[in-house]
Amino acid sequence: MKFVTAIIKPYKLNDVREALTAVGVNGVTVTEVKGFGRQKGHTEIYRGAEYVVEFLPKLKVEAAIPDELLDKTIEAIKKAAHTGQIGDGKIFVFDLEQIMRIRTGETGPEAI
């Protein structure tokens, strides 16, 4: 089992959700986050005053998946989140040792 975390631009969420559903990912968790990478933020003007936005709004999309869906999941996120602009995001993959569905007590792949 794998745990996939993707940091994406907020307006790409629906595209990513649809792509993940299409490849068989059953559920995701989405969290609003802020951060920066190579972008290093940007300058904005609000009511005539200029200020620096150092942490940009992003979304973190997380999914627990079976090993056999890993390549399809990564490719789906990559295609759906891609804009070609700086700040498209990152995909992280972790080994998942254990899962338990609280309601039923199911563990392992059955709990996904």
N, C-alpha and C. Protein backbone atom coordinates (compact mmCIF):
# COMPACT_ATOMS: atom_id res chain seq x y z
N MET A 1 0.84 -1.17 0.00
CA MET A 1 0.00 0.00 0.00
C MET A 1 0.89 1.24 0.00
N LYS A 2 0.38 2.29 -0.61
CA LYS A 2 1.12 3.54 -0.72
C LYS A 2 0.24 4.69 -0.24
N PHE A 3 0.89 5.75 0.21
CA PHE A 3 0.22 6.98 0.60
C PHE A 3 0.75 8.07 -0.32
N VAL A 4 -0.11 8.62 -1.14
CA VAL A 4 0.29 9.63 -2.12
C VAL A 4 -0.18 11.00 -1.64
N THR A 5 0.74 11.95 -1.61
CA THR A 5 0.43 13.32 -1.25
C THR A 5 0.82 14.21 -2.41
N ALA A 6 -0.10 15.04 -2.85
CA ALA A 6 0.18 15.97 -3.94
C ALA A 6 -0.13 17.39 -3.48
N ILE A 7 0.78 18.30 -3.76
CA ILE A 7 0.56 19.73 -3.50
C ILE A 7 0.24 20.34 -4.86
N ILE A 8 -0.95 20.95 -4.98
CA ILE A 8 -1.41 21.45 -6.27
C ILE A 8 -1.96 22.86 -6.14
N LYS A 9 -2.15 23.50 -7.29
CA LYS A 9 -2.81 24.81 -7.32
C LYS A 9 -4.29 24.60 -7.02
N PRO A 10 -4.88 25.50 -6.23
CA PRO A 10 -6.28 25.31 -5.81
C PRO A 10 -7.28 25.13 -6.95
N TYR A 11 -7.11 25.84 -8.04
CA TYR A 11 -8.11 25.77 -9.11
C TYR A 11 -8.00 24.48 -9.93
N LYS A 12 -7.01 23.64 -9.65
CA LYS A 12 -6.87 22.36 -10.35
C LYS A 12 -7.51 21.20 -9.58
N LEU A 13 -8.14 21.48 -8.44
CA LEU A 13 -8.69 20.41 -7.61
C LEU A 13 -9.71 19.56 -8.34
N ASN A 14 -10.68 20.15 -9.00
CA ASN A 14 -11.71 19.36 -9.68
C ASN A 14 -11.10 18.46 -10.75
N ASP A 15 -10.14 18.99 -11.50
CA ASP A 15 -9.47 18.18 -12.52
C ASP A 15 -8.76 16.98 -11.91
N VAL A 16 -8.07 17.21 -10.79
CA VAL A 16 -7.34 16.13 -10.12
C VAL A 16 -8.32 15.12 -9.54
N ARG A 17 -9.38 15.58 -8.92
CA ARG A 17 -10.38 14.67 -8.35
C ARG A 17 -10.99 13.78 -9.42
N GLU A 18 -11.37 14.37 -10.54
CA GLU A 18 -11.95 13.59 -11.64
C GLU A 18 -10.95 12.58 -12.20
N ALA A 19 -9.70 12.98 -12.33
CA ALA A 19 -8.67 12.08 -12.85
C ALA A 19 -8.42 10.92 -11.89
N LEU A 20 -8.41 11.19 -10.60
CA LEU A 20 -8.20 10.12 -9.63
C LEU A 20 -9.38 9.15 -9.61
N THR A 21 -10.58 9.68 -9.68
CA THR A 21 -11.77 8.82 -9.72
C THR A 21 -11.73 7.93 -10.96
N ALA A 22 -11.29 8.48 -12.09
CA ALA A 22 -11.24 7.72 -13.34
C ALA A 22 -10.26 6.54 -13.29
N VAL A 23 -9.19 6.66 -12.49
CA VAL A 23 -8.23 5.55 -12.42
C VAL A 23 -8.53 4.59 -11.28
N GLY A 24 -9.58 4.86 -10.50
CA GLY A 24 -9.99 3.93 -9.46
C GLY A 24 -9.62 4.27 -8.04
N VAL A 25 -9.18 5.51 -7.79
CA VAL A 25 -8.90 5.93 -6.42
C VAL A 25 -10.24 6.23 -5.75
N ASN A 26 -10.51 5.56 -4.63
CA ASN A 26 -11.83 5.62 -4.01
C ASN A 26 -12.08 6.83 -3.13
N GLY A 27 -11.06 7.41 -2.57
CA GLY A 27 -11.26 8.54 -1.68
C GLY A 27 -10.00 9.35 -1.52
N VAL A 28 -10.19 10.63 -1.26
CA VAL A 28 -9.05 11.52 -1.03
C VAL A 28 -9.37 12.44 0.14
N THR A 29 -8.34 12.99 0.72
CA THR A 29 -8.46 14.03 1.73
C THR A 29 -7.81 15.28 1.17
N VAL A 30 -8.49 16.42 1.29
CA VAL A 30 -7.96 17.68 0.77
C VAL A 30 -7.82 18.66 1.92
N THR A 31 -6.66 19.31 1.99
CA THR A 31 -6.37 20.29 3.02
C THR A 31 -5.87 21.56 2.37
N GLU A 32 -6.38 22.71 2.82
CA GLU A 32 -5.85 23.99 2.35
C GLU A 32 -4.55 24.25 3.09
N VAL A 33 -3.49 24.51 2.33
CA VAL A 33 -2.18 24.77 2.91
C VAL A 33 -1.57 26.01 2.27
N LYS A 34 -0.49 26.49 2.84
CA LYS A 34 0.26 27.60 2.25
C LYS A 34 1.72 27.20 2.23
N GLY A 35 2.44 27.68 1.24
CA GLY A 35 3.85 27.37 1.17
C GLY A 35 4.52 28.09 0.02
N PHE A 36 5.80 27.81 -0.15
CA PHE A 36 6.53 28.36 -1.28
C PHE A 36 7.63 27.40 -1.66
N GLY A 37 8.01 27.48 -2.90
CA GLY A 37 9.12 26.70 -3.42
C GLY A 37 10.00 27.65 -4.19
N ARG A 38 10.21 27.35 -5.44
CA ARG A 38 11.02 28.22 -6.28
C ARG A 38 10.34 29.54 -6.56
N GLN A 39 9.02 29.60 -6.40
CA GLN A 39 8.29 30.84 -6.66
C GLN A 39 8.72 31.96 -5.71
N LYS A 40 8.98 31.60 -4.47
CA LYS A 40 9.38 32.56 -3.44
C LYS A 40 8.32 33.63 -3.20
N GLY A 41 7.07 33.35 -3.48
CA GLY A 41 6.00 34.32 -3.25
C GLY A 41 5.94 35.34 -4.37
N HIS A 42 5.15 36.40 -4.15
CA HIS A 42 5.03 37.46 -5.14
C HIS A 42 4.54 38.74 -4.46
N THR A 43 4.54 39.84 -5.21
CA THR A 43 4.10 41.13 -4.69
C THR A 43 2.70 41.43 -5.21
N GLU A 44 1.84 41.94 -4.34
CA GLU A 44 0.49 42.34 -4.72
C GLU A 44 0.24 43.76 -4.25
N ILE A 45 -0.74 44.38 -4.89
CA ILE A 45 -1.14 45.72 -4.47
C ILE A 45 -2.58 45.64 -3.99
N TYR A 46 -2.82 46.12 -2.77
CA TYR A 46 -4.15 46.12 -2.18
C TYR A 46 -4.45 47.52 -1.65
N ARG A 47 -5.47 48.15 -2.21
CA ARG A 47 -5.87 49.51 -1.82
C ARG A 47 -4.70 50.48 -1.88
N GLY A 48 -3.93 50.34 -2.93
CA GLY A 48 -2.82 51.25 -3.17
C GLY A 48 -1.55 50.93 -2.43
N ALA A 49 -1.60 49.96 -1.54
CA ALA A 49 -0.40 49.59 -0.78
C ALA A 49 0.18 48.29 -1.35
N GLU A 50 1.48 48.28 -1.54
CA GLU A 50 2.15 47.09 -2.07
C GLU A 50 2.61 46.23 -0.90
N TYR A 51 2.37 44.93 -1.01
CA TYR A 51 2.86 44.02 0.02
C TYR A 51 3.30 42.70 -0.61
N VAL A 52 4.13 41.98 0.12
CA VAL A 52 4.71 40.73 -0.37
C VAL A 52 3.93 39.55 0.19
N VAL A 53 3.50 38.68 -0.69
CA VAL A 53 2.87 37.42 -0.28
C VAL A 53 3.95 36.35 -0.34
N GLU A 54 4.43 35.93 0.83
CA GLU A 54 5.53 34.97 0.86
C GLU A 54 5.06 33.53 0.80
N PHE A 55 3.90 33.24 1.37
CA PHE A 55 3.36 31.89 1.36
C PHE A 55 2.13 31.88 0.47
N LEU A 56 2.17 31.07 -0.58
CA LEU A 56 1.10 31.03 -1.56
C LEU A 56 0.09 29.94 -1.21
N PRO A 57 -1.19 30.19 -1.48
CA PRO A 57 -2.20 29.17 -1.19
C PRO A 57 -2.08 27.98 -2.13
N LYS A 58 -2.13 26.80 -1.55
CA LYS A 58 -2.07 25.54 -2.29
C LYS A 58 -3.08 24.59 -1.66
N LEU A 59 -3.27 23.45 -2.30
CA LEU A 59 -4.07 22.38 -1.73
C LEU A 59 -3.20 21.14 -1.61
N LYS A 60 -3.38 20.42 -0.51
CA LYS A 60 -2.71 19.14 -0.33
C LYS A 60 -3.76 18.06 -0.50
N VAL A 61 -3.55 17.19 -1.48
CA VAL A 61 -4.47 16.09 -1.78
C VAL A 61 -3.77 14.80 -1.36
N GLU A 62 -4.43 14.03 -0.51
CA GLU A 62 -3.82 12.80 0.01
C GLU A 62 -4.73 11.62 -0.28
N ALA A 63 -4.11 10.49 -0.62
CA ALA A 63 -4.88 9.27 -0.89
C ALA A 63 -4.07 8.04 -0.52
N ALA A 64 -4.73 7.09 0.13
CA ALA A 64 -4.14 5.78 0.38
C ALA A 64 -4.58 4.88 -0.76
N ILE A 65 -3.61 4.21 -1.39
CA ILE A 65 -3.94 3.41 -2.57
C ILE A 65 -3.23 2.06 -2.52
N PRO A 66 -3.77 1.07 -3.24
CA PRO A 66 -3.04 -0.19 -3.37
C PRO A 66 -1.83 -0.01 -4.28
N ASP A 67 -0.82 -0.84 -4.10
CA ASP A 67 0.42 -0.73 -4.88
C ASP A 67 0.17 -0.72 -6.38
N GLU A 68 -0.79 -1.52 -6.85
CA GLU A 68 -1.00 -1.64 -8.30
C GLU A 68 -1.57 -0.38 -8.94
N LEU A 69 -2.09 0.55 -8.14
CA LEU A 69 -2.61 1.81 -8.70
C LEU A 69 -1.60 2.95 -8.68
N LEU A 70 -0.40 2.70 -8.18
CA LEU A 70 0.56 3.79 -7.99
C LEU A 70 0.90 4.52 -9.29
N ASP A 71 1.31 3.82 -10.31
CA ASP A 71 1.72 4.48 -11.55
C ASP A 71 0.56 5.25 -12.18
N LYS A 72 -0.63 4.65 -12.21
CA LYS A 72 -1.80 5.33 -12.77
C LYS A 72 -2.17 6.57 -11.97
N THR A 73 -2.03 6.47 -10.64
CA THR A 73 -2.35 7.60 -9.77
C THR A 73 -1.40 8.77 -10.00
N ILE A 74 -0.11 8.48 -10.04
CA ILE A 74 0.89 9.53 -10.27
C ILE A 74 0.66 10.19 -11.62
N GLU A 75 0.44 9.40 -12.65
CA GLU A 75 0.24 9.94 -13.99
C GLU A 75 -1.04 10.78 -14.05
N ALA A 76 -2.09 10.33 -13.38
CA ALA A 76 -3.36 11.08 -13.38
C ALA A 76 -3.19 12.44 -12.71
N ILE A 77 -2.50 12.47 -11.58
CA ILE A 77 -2.27 13.74 -10.89
C ILE A 77 -1.40 14.64 -11.75
N LYS A 78 -0.34 14.08 -12.29
CA LYS A 78 0.59 14.87 -13.11
C LYS A 78 -0.12 15.54 -14.28
N LYS A 79 -0.93 14.78 -15.00
CA LYS A 79 -1.64 15.33 -16.15
C LYS A 79 -2.70 16.35 -15.74
N ALA A 80 -3.43 16.05 -14.68
CA ALA A 80 -4.54 16.92 -14.28
C ALA A 80 -4.06 18.22 -13.64
N ALA A 81 -2.94 18.19 -12.93
CA ALA A 81 -2.47 19.37 -12.22
C ALA A 81 -1.52 20.23 -13.05
N HIS A 82 -1.08 19.73 -14.19
CA HIS A 82 -0.08 20.43 -15.00
C HIS A 82 -0.65 21.67 -15.68
N THR A 83 0.05 22.79 -15.52
CA THR A 83 -0.29 24.02 -16.25
C THR A 83 0.89 24.48 -17.08
N GLY A 84 2.07 23.99 -16.75
CA GLY A 84 3.28 24.45 -17.43
C GLY A 84 3.87 25.70 -16.80
N GLN A 85 3.21 26.22 -15.78
CA GLN A 85 3.68 27.42 -15.09
C GLN A 85 4.43 27.00 -13.81
N ILE A 86 5.28 27.89 -13.33
CA ILE A 86 5.97 27.63 -12.08
C ILE A 86 4.94 27.51 -10.97
N GLY A 87 5.16 26.60 -10.04
CA GLY A 87 4.24 26.42 -8.92
C GLY A 87 3.18 25.36 -9.16
N ASP A 88 3.34 24.52 -10.17
CA ASP A 88 2.37 23.45 -10.43
C ASP A 88 2.28 22.48 -9.25
N GLY A 89 3.34 22.32 -8.50
CA GLY A 89 3.28 21.49 -7.30
C GLY A 89 4.23 20.32 -7.32
N LYS A 90 3.98 19.39 -6.39
CA LYS A 90 4.84 18.22 -6.21
C LYS A 90 3.96 17.02 -5.86
N ILE A 91 4.49 15.83 -6.11
CA ILE A 91 3.85 14.59 -5.71
C ILE A 91 4.85 13.81 -4.84
N PHE A 92 4.38 13.38 -3.67
CA PHE A 92 5.21 12.60 -2.76
C PHE A 92 4.55 11.23 -2.57
N VAL A 93 5.37 10.17 -2.52
CA VAL A 93 4.86 8.82 -2.33
C VAL A 93 5.55 8.21 -1.11
N PHE A 94 4.74 7.66 -0.21
CA PHE A 94 5.24 7.04 1.01
C PHE A 94 4.74 5.59 1.08
N ASP A 95 5.54 4.71 1.66
CA ASP A 95 5.06 3.37 1.97
C ASP A 95 4.08 3.47 3.12
N LEU A 96 3.01 2.70 3.04
CA LEU A 96 1.97 2.72 4.06
C LEU A 96 1.98 1.37 4.76
N GLU A 97 2.33 1.38 6.03
CA GLU A 97 2.47 0.12 6.77
C GLU A 97 1.14 -0.46 7.20
N GLN A 98 0.20 0.35 7.61
CA GLN A 98 -1.04 -0.17 8.15
C GLN A 98 -2.18 0.82 7.94
N ILE A 99 -3.35 0.29 7.70
CA ILE A 99 -4.57 1.08 7.61
C ILE A 99 -5.63 0.36 8.42
N MET A 100 -6.48 1.11 9.12
CA MET A 100 -7.61 0.51 9.81
C MET A 100 -8.84 1.38 9.60
N ARG A 101 -9.90 0.77 9.16
CA ARG A 101 -11.19 1.46 9.08
C ARG A 101 -11.80 1.41 10.47
N ILE A 102 -12.00 2.57 11.07
CA ILE A 102 -12.46 2.65 12.45
C ILE A 102 -13.83 2.00 12.63
N ARG A 103 -14.75 2.25 11.71
CA ARG A 103 -16.12 1.76 11.86
C ARG A 103 -16.19 0.24 11.93
N THR A 104 -15.46 -0.46 11.05
CA THR A 104 -15.58 -1.91 10.96
C THR A 104 -14.41 -2.67 11.56
N GLY A 105 -13.29 -2.00 11.77
CA GLY A 105 -12.09 -2.69 12.26
C GLY A 105 -11.30 -3.37 11.16
N GLU A 106 -11.73 -3.24 9.88
CA GLU A 106 -10.99 -3.82 8.77
C GLU A 106 -9.59 -3.22 8.73
N THR A 107 -8.61 -4.04 8.33
CA THR A 107 -7.25 -3.56 8.23
C THR A 107 -6.68 -3.92 6.87
N GLY A 108 -5.55 -3.30 6.55
CA GLY A 108 -4.86 -3.60 5.30
C GLY A 108 -5.62 -3.07 4.09
N PRO A 109 -5.40 -3.67 2.91
CA PRO A 109 -6.02 -3.20 1.68
C PRO A 109 -7.56 -3.15 1.72
N GLU A 110 -8.17 -4.02 2.52
CA GLU A 110 -9.63 -4.00 2.64
C GLU A 110 -10.14 -2.70 3.26
N ALA A 111 -9.30 -2.04 4.05
CA ALA A 111 -9.70 -0.80 4.70
C ALA A 111 -9.65 0.41 3.78
N ILE A 112 -8.99 0.27 2.64
CA ILE A 112 -8.92 1.39 1.70
C ILE A 112 -10.29 1.58 1.11
